[in-house]
Amino acid sequence: MKPRTEKSMELYEIMLRRGYPEPFCDQITKNLNTDWTAQRMIGYLSHYKKLPLEEVVDEMLAILSERNRIMQKKDLENTNAKWNKYLNERYHADEWLSENNLDIGSEWSEEM
């Protein structure tokens, strides 16, 4: 796991001050070890005085799930951009070959 960020340490201190057990705070902040995830939990906790441990864990899992969805979306967007670039380059290459009356043979066309 990556080291805790400043926000993650802030979350750790907030949870300790609210009376959560140290090992529990440690595990939560080990999992919420980015500024974004820690800030989400700090925002969630700011609406309550003290939540049961189960609700804090449930929110931690929801935050991590949302983070994973965002990461997957960005990965898919990146893959889509590469695919579009490939198709665009292929289109321009085919266009250039056609404009210059060049035939690359049927083998090339069948592979694609």
Protein backbone atom coordinates (compact mmCIF):
# COMPACT_ATOMS: atom_id res chain seq x y z
CA MET A 1 0.00 0.00 0.00
CA LYS A 2 1.15 3.53 -0.67
CA PRO A 3 1.99 5.84 2.26
CA ARG A 4 -0.68 8.02 3.76
CA THR A 5 -1.19 11.53 2.46
CA GLU A 6 -1.59 14.66 4.56
CA LYS A 7 -5.39 14.45 4.20
CA SER A 8 -5.31 10.81 5.21
CA MET A 9 -3.40 11.74 8.38
CA GLU A 10 -5.96 14.49 9.03
CA LEU A 11 -8.71 11.89 8.74
CA TYR A 12 -6.82 9.65 11.17
CA GLU A 13 -6.65 12.48 13.75
CA ILE A 14 -10.32 13.37 13.31
CA MET A 15 -11.37 9.78 13.86
CA LEU A 16 -9.18 9.42 16.96
CA ARG A 17 -10.64 12.63 18.43
CA ARG A 18 -14.13 11.24 17.86
CA GLY A 19 -13.29 8.19 19.91
CA TYR A 20 -12.80 5.52 17.28
CA PRO A 21 -10.27 2.81 18.25
CA GLU A 22 -6.72 3.39 16.99
CA PRO A 23 -6.49 0.08 15.06
CA PHE A 24 -9.78 0.94 13.33
CA CYS A 25 -8.55 4.44 12.39
CA ASP A 26 -5.34 2.89 11.15
CA GLN A 27 -7.14 0.44 8.85
CA ILE A 28 -9.53 3.07 7.48
CA THR A 29 -6.72 5.48 6.63
CA LYS A 30 -4.57 2.72 5.13
CA ASN A 31 -7.39 2.12 2.67
CA LEU A 32 -8.29 5.78 2.14
CA ASN A 33 -4.70 6.77 1.43
CA THR A 34 -5.25 9.46 -1.21
CA ASP A 35 -6.28 13.05 -0.69
CA TRP A 36 -9.45 12.50 -2.71
CA THR A 37 -10.65 9.43 -0.77
CA ALA A 38 -9.67 10.85 2.63
CA GLN A 39 -11.45 14.15 1.86
CA ARG A 40 -14.58 12.26 0.86
CA MET A 41 -14.61 10.49 4.25
CA ILE A 42 -13.88 13.73 6.12
CA GLY A 43 -16.85 15.29 4.33
CA TYR A 44 -19.05 12.34 5.21
CA LEU A 45 -18.04 12.36 8.87
CA SER A 46 -18.62 16.11 9.12
CA HIS A 47 -22.37 15.51 8.98
CA TYR A 48 -22.40 13.27 12.08
CA LYS A 49 -21.08 13.35 15.64
CA LYS A 50 -20.21 9.66 15.81
CA LEU A 51 -21.28 6.82 13.57
CA PRO A 52 -21.17 3.10 14.31
CA LEU A 53 -18.04 1.37 13.02
CA GLU A 54 -20.10 -0.54 10.46
CA GLU A 55 -21.38 2.65 8.86
CA VAL A 56 -17.87 4.09 8.59
CA VAL A 57 -16.68 0.86 6.93
CA ASP A 58 -19.69 0.89 4.60
CA GLU A 59 -18.88 4.47 3.53
CA MET A 60 -15.21 3.58 3.06
CA LEU A 61 -16.23 0.75 0.71
CA ALA A 62 -18.58 3.07 -1.19
CA ILE A 63 -15.78 5.66 -1.61
CA LEU A 64 -13.35 3.01 -2.85
CA SER A 65 -15.97 1.62 -5.22
CA GLU A 66 -16.59 5.08 -6.67
CA ARG A 67 -12.84 5.65 -7.04
CA ASN A 68 -12.51 2.35 -8.92
CA ARG A 69 -15.39 3.29 -11.26
CA ILE A 70 -13.70 6.62 -12.03
CA MET A 71 -10.39 4.89 -12.70
CA GLN A 72 -12.08 2.35 -15.00
CA LYS A 73 -13.86 5.15 -16.87
CA LYS A 74 -10.58 7.00 -17.43
CA ASP A 75 -8.92 3.79 -18.61
CA LEU A 76 -11.75 3.12 -21.07
CA GLU A 77 -11.60 6.71 -22.31
CA ASN A 78 -7.85 6.31 -22.89
CA THR A 79 -8.37 3.03 -24.75
CA ASN A 80 -11.11 4.61 -26.85
CA ALA A 81 -8.85 7.57 -27.72
CA LYS A 82 -6.10 5.19 -28.88
CA TRP A 83 -8.60 3.20 -30.97
CA ASN A 84 -9.95 6.38 -32.56
CA LYS A 85 -6.41 7.53 -33.34
CA TYR A 86 -5.67 4.17 -34.98
CA LEU A 87 -8.85 4.33 -37.06
CA ASN A 88 -8.14 7.92 -38.09
CA GLU A 89 -4.58 7.08 -39.12
CA ARG A 90 -5.78 4.02 -41.02
CA TYR A 91 -8.42 6.08 -42.81
CA HIS A 92 -5.87 8.68 -43.87
CA ALA A 93 -3.40 6.00 -45.00
CA ASP A 94 -6.09 4.30 -47.10
CA GLU A 95 -7.12 7.68 -48.49
CA TRP A 96 -3.51 8.52 -49.45
CA LEU A 97 -3.03 5.14 -51.14
CA SER A 98 -6.21 5.61 -53.11
CA GLU A 99 -5.31 9.17 -54.16
CA ASN A 100 -1.93 7.98 -55.41
CA ASN A 101 -3.39 5.00 -57.25
CA LEU A 102 -1.40 2.56 -55.17
CA ASP A 103 -2.68 -0.94 -54.65
CA ILE A 104 -1.28 -2.72 -51.63
CA GLY A 105 -2.76 -6.03 -52.65
CA SER A 106 -5.58 -8.18 -51.46
CA GLU A 107 -3.53 -9.68 -48.62
CA TRP A 108 -3.47 -6.35 -46.79
CA SER A 109 -7.20 -5.81 -47.17
CA GLU A 110 -8.04 -9.31 -45.96
CA GLU A 111 -5.94 -8.88 -42.81
CA MET A 112 -7.79 -5.74 -41.84
